């Protein structure tokens, strides 16, 4: 995809429309154990509410990104993406799913091209889902920092992404098996929620932690698919 003429016109305009930055975080079953896509809006250019673009709602979230610049030294950039960890929401995502190698798409457009849903009168004659800069595709390479306030991901391009991890199964602290799948092997009728509290069948969700596995296999012979010492949390 190339940058359309409508964007070039804005860049050359004496009064260009504000640039809006959007992010899509995509997890896939093959890589991350689940098919989920999260849509975030960084809240730039005085737009603090959710943003609708191309009929998708991007949730306003405190996000800081940097390091996208390409240098002439020949090294590929490794951008940083910091997301507010309000109520430990991002930490919970890391515990539930393996975020490594998840796809991050950086989308930039102009305010004048946003969907009509963003305007109080429901009218925007210049709305255009195709008017955007060329999408930038990145992948999460590692969790660079995690604390109660913020989680920082280090991103990398596909060219710099390691094709094979040693050992073949990545060393992560949470279980990588599909709950009640062949590797997990749990078929019991003891049900627990994500916080390991007793529940019924409808609320049965594995927390992917060692303690979650121990609840379901009290005999001590655990098929835990993670590495408990891989990451220490406070």
Protein backbone atom coordinates (compact mmCIF):
# COMPACT_ATOMS: atom_id res chain seq x y z
CA UNK A 1 0.00 0.00 0.00
CA UNK A 2 1.25 3.50 -0.84
CA UNK A 3 0.28 6.77 0.83
CA UNK A 4 -2.73 8.21 -1.07
CA UNK A 5 -2.80 11.64 -2.66
CA UNK A 6 -5.26 12.91 -0.01
CA UNK A 7 -2.57 12.48 2.67
CA UNK A 8 0.11 14.15 0.55
CA UNK A 9 -2.24 17.11 0.09
CA UNK A 10 -2.63 17.43 3.85
CA UNK A 11 1.12 17.35 4.40
CA UNK A 12 1.56 20.16 1.87
CA UNK A 13 -1.35 22.20 3.18
CA UNK A 14 -0.77 25.47 5.03
CA UNK A 15 -3.30 24.31 7.66
CA UNK A 16 -3.08 20.51 7.70
CA UNK A 17 -5.58 18.42 9.63
CA UNK A 18 -4.32 16.93 12.91
CA UNK A 19 -2.62 13.54 12.58
CA UNK A 20 -4.32 10.74 14.54
CA UNK A 21 -2.33 7.70 15.64
CA UNK A 22 -4.05 4.32 16.06
CA UNK A 23 -2.74 0.89 17.04
CA UNK A 24 -3.97 -2.65 16.48
CA UNK A 25 -2.55 -5.44 18.67
CA UNK A 26 -3.29 -8.80 17.05
CA UNK A 27 -2.81 -12.16 18.78
CA UNK A 28 -3.23 -15.38 16.79
CA UNK A 29 -3.99 -18.93 17.84
CA UNK A 30 -0.85 -20.36 16.23
CA UNK A 31 1.57 -17.88 17.83
CA UNK A 32 -0.14 -16.60 20.98
CA UNK A 33 -2.71 -19.27 21.78
CA UNK A 34 -5.79 -17.15 21.05
CA UNK A 35 -7.35 -15.16 18.21
CA UNK A 36 -7.89 -11.65 19.59
CA UNK A 37 -7.36 -8.13 18.30
CA UNK A 38 -7.19 -5.07 20.55
CA UNK A 39 -7.72 -1.58 19.13
CA UNK A 40 -6.08 1.41 20.84
CA UNK A 41 -6.03 5.15 20.26
CA UNK A 42 -3.10 7.00 21.79
CA UNK A 43 -5.17 10.08 22.64
CA UNK A 44 -3.03 12.41 20.53
CA UNK A 45 -4.02 15.84 19.20
CA UNK A 46 -6.61 16.55 21.89
CA UNK A 47 -8.79 13.55 21.04
CA UNK A 48 -9.19 11.89 24.43
CA UNK A 49 -12.31 9.86 23.59
CA UNK A 50 -12.57 6.62 21.64
CA UNK A 51 -12.04 7.03 17.89
CA UNK A 52 -13.94 5.30 15.09
CA UNK A 53 -12.06 4.78 11.84
CA UNK A 54 -13.03 2.44 9.02
CA UNK A 55 -15.95 1.29 11.24
CA UNK A 56 -13.58 0.06 13.95
CA UNK A 57 -13.57 1.57 17.43
CA UNK A 58 -10.14 2.35 18.85
CA UNK A 59 -10.27 2.66 22.63
CA UNK A 60 -8.59 5.73 24.08
CA UNK A 61 -5.68 4.55 26.23
CA UNK A 62 -2.56 6.28 27.58
CA UNK A 63 0.11 5.04 25.15
CA UNK A 64 3.58 6.39 24.46
CA UNK A 65 5.64 5.24 21.50
CA UNK A 66 9.06 6.20 20.23
CA UNK A 67 11.97 4.86 18.22
CA UNK A 68 10.21 4.47 14.87
CA UNK A 69 12.77 6.60 13.08
CA UNK A 70 14.93 4.81 10.50
CA UNK A 71 18.60 5.74 10.74
CA UNK A 72 21.18 5.80 7.96
CA UNK A 73 23.50 3.51 9.92
CA UNK A 74 21.86 0.41 8.54
CA UNK A 75 20.43 -0.90 11.82
CA UNK A 76 16.71 -1.61 12.02
CA UNK A 77 14.74 0.44 14.57
CA UNK A 78 13.41 -1.25 17.70
CA UNK A 79 10.55 1.00 18.85
CA UNK A 80 9.19 1.06 22.38
CA UNK A 81 5.46 0.96 23.14
CA UNK A 82 4.40 1.87 26.68
CA UNK A 83 0.78 1.22 27.72
CA UNK A 84 -0.79 2.34 30.99
CA UNK A 85 -1.32 -0.69 33.23
CA UNK A 86 -4.51 0.56 34.88
CA UNK A 87 -6.00 -2.07 37.20
CA UNK A 88 -3.19 -4.38 36.00
CA UNK A 89 -5.13 -4.92 32.77
CA UNK A 90 -2.03 -5.33 30.58
CA UNK A 91 -0.34 -7.56 33.18
CA UNK A 92 -3.45 -9.74 33.16
CA UNK A 93 -3.24 -10.00 29.37
CA UNK A 94 0.40 -11.11 29.66
CA UNK A 95 -0.53 -13.75 32.24
CA UNK A 96 -3.42 -15.08 30.15
CA UNK A 97 -1.70 -15.08 26.77
CA UNK A 98 1.78 -15.15 25.32
CA UNK A 99 2.23 -11.64 23.85
CA UNK A 100 5.59 -12.32 22.19
CA UNK A 101 5.59 -12.05 18.40
CA UNK A 102 2.09 -10.56 18.49
CA UNK A 103 1.52 -8.24 15.55
CA UNK A 104 1.31 -4.48 16.17
CA UNK A 105 -0.01 -2.30 13.35
CA UNK A 106 0.60 1.44 13.58
CA UNK A 107 -2.04 3.38 11.65
CA UNK A 108 -1.88 7.14 11.04
CA UNK A 109 -4.59 9.22 9.44
CA UNK A 110 -5.89 12.78 9.68
CA UNK A 111 -8.76 13.98 11.83
CA UNK A 112 -10.75 15.15 8.80
CA UNK A 113 -10.86 11.59 7.43
CA UNK A 114 -12.37 9.96 10.55
CA UNK A 115 -15.81 8.30 10.42
CA UNK A 116 -18.94 10.39 10.96
CA UNK A 117 -19.41 8.70 14.38
CA UNK A 118 -16.71 10.99 15.77
CA UNK A 119 -18.66 14.18 15.05
CA UNK A 120 -21.51 15.48 17.18
CA UNK A 121 -23.73 16.29 14.21
CA UNK A 122 -23.04 12.91 12.57
CA UNK A 123 -21.78 14.62 9.43
CA UNK A 124 -18.31 14.53 7.89
CA UNK A 125 -18.16 14.97 4.14
CA UNK A 126 -14.42 14.18 4.07
CA UNK A 127 -14.62 10.81 5.89
CA UNK A 128 -12.38 8.37 4.05
CA UNK A 129 -11.19 4.98 5.45
CA UNK A 130 -8.54 4.77 2.73
CA UNK A 131 -6.95 8.12 3.53
CA UNK A 132 -4.07 7.09 5.75
CA UNK A 133 -0.32 6.83 5.78
CA UNK A 134 1.18 3.49 4.83
CA UNK A 135 0.58 1.04 7.69
CA UNK A 136 3.63 0.11 9.76
CA UNK A 137 3.82 -3.53 10.86
CA UNK A 138 5.80 -4.47 13.98
CA UNK A 139 6.00 -7.43 16.33
CA UNK A 140 6.45 -7.64 20.10
CA UNK A 141 9.96 -8.95 20.74
CA UNK A 142 10.03 -8.75 24.53
CA UNK A 143 8.45 -7.25 27.63
CA UNK A 144 11.03 -4.56 28.42
CA UNK A 145 9.41 -3.33 31.63
CA UNK A 146 6.37 -4.16 33.74
CA UNK A 147 5.13 -2.45 36.89
CA UNK A 148 1.76 -1.42 38.36
CA UNK A 149 1.81 1.82 36.35
CA UNK A 150 2.98 0.83 32.87
CA UNK A 151 3.97 -2.08 30.65
CA UNK A 152 6.62 -1.46 28.01
CA UNK A 153 6.97 -3.65 24.93
CA UNK A 154 10.03 -3.59 22.69
CA UNK A 155 9.00 -3.97 19.06
CA UNK A 156 10.89 -5.28 16.10
CA UNK A 157 10.32 -5.60 12.37
CA UNK A 158 9.60 -8.90 10.71
CA UNK A 159 13.07 -8.85 9.14
CA UNK A 160 14.62 -8.76 12.62
CA UNK A 161 12.23 -11.29 14.15
CA UNK A 162 13.87 -14.51 15.23
CA UNK A 163 12.43 -17.35 13.20
CA UNK A 164 13.36 -20.07 15.64
CA UNK A 165 13.52 -19.90 19.41
CA UNK A 166 15.81 -22.12 21.44
CA UNK A 167 14.44 -24.13 23.04
CA UNK A 168 11.69 -24.58 20.45
CA UNK A 169 9.12 -23.74 23.13
CA UNK A 170 9.59 -20.19 24.39
CA UNK A 171 10.61 -19.74 28.01
CA UNK A 172 7.58 -17.97 29.48
CA UNK A 173 6.30 -17.98 33.03
CA UNK A 174 2.68 -18.75 32.15
CA UNK A 175 1.32 -22.01 30.74
CA UNK A 176 1.27 -22.18 26.96
CA UNK A 177 -1.08 -25.17 26.64
CA UNK A 178 -4.68 -24.82 25.50
CA UNK A 179 -6.89 -25.32 28.54
CA UNK A 180 -8.43 -28.82 28.52
CA UNK A 181 -6.50 -29.52 25.34
CA UNK A 182 -4.27 -32.52 24.63
CA UNK A 183 -1.16 -31.10 26.35
CA UNK A 184 -3.11 -29.80 29.34
CA UNK A 185 -5.03 -33.03 29.77
CA UNK A 186 -7.44 -31.72 32.41
CA UNK A 187 -10.88 -33.31 32.14
CA UNK A 188 -12.02 -32.94 35.75
CA UNK A 189 -15.19 -31.41 37.14
CA UNK A 190 -13.50 -29.05 39.59
CA UNK A 191 -14.03 -25.56 38.23
CA UNK A 192 -12.05 -22.38 39.01
CA UNK A 193 -12.11 -18.84 37.66
CA UNK A 194 -9.14 -16.78 36.50
CA UNK A 195 -8.27 -15.93 40.12
CA UNK A 196 -8.36 -19.62 41.19
CA UNK A 197 -11.64 -19.18 43.10
CA UNK A 198 -14.16 -22.04 42.94
CA UNK A 199 -16.91 -21.53 40.38
CA UNK A 200 -19.30 -23.45 38.14
CA UNK A 201 -18.78 -24.82 34.63
CA UNK A 202 -19.75 -21.51 32.99
CA UNK A 203 -17.11 -19.58 34.93
CA UNK A 204 -14.33 -22.11 34.41
CA UNK A 205 -11.26 -20.27 33.11
CA UNK A 206 -7.64 -21.28 33.63
CA UNK A 207 -5.43 -18.49 34.96
CA UNK A 208 -2.44 -20.03 33.14
CA UNK A 209 -0.37 -19.80 36.34
CA UNK A 210 1.39 -22.59 38.21
CA UNK A 211 -1.09 -22.14 41.05
CA UNK A 212 -3.97 -22.55 38.58
CA UNK A 213 -2.55 -25.88 37.47
CA UNK A 214 -2.02 -26.99 41.08
CA UNK A 215 -5.71 -26.36 41.83
CA UNK A 216 -6.73 -28.79 39.13
CA UNK A 217 -4.05 -31.41 39.77
CA UNK A 218 -3.79 -31.62 43.59
CA UNK A 219 -1.79 -34.84 43.34
CA UNK A 220 1.26 -32.76 42.39
CA UNK A 221 1.93 -34.32 38.97
CA UNK A 222 1.37 -31.13 36.98
CA UNK A 223 1.39 -30.84 33.16
CA UNK A 224 2.24 -27.14 33.57
CA UNK A 225 3.37 -25.73 30.24
CA UNK A 226 5.27 -22.72 31.55
CA UNK A 227 8.51 -21.96 33.36
CA UNK A 228 7.70 -20.57 36.84
CA UNK A 229 11.12 -18.92 37.26
CA UNK A 230 11.13 -17.16 33.91
CA UNK A 231 9.88 -13.83 35.27
CA UNK A 232 9.71 -12.64 38.87
CA UNK A 233 6.80 -10.42 39.80
CA UNK A 234 6.36 -8.21 42.85
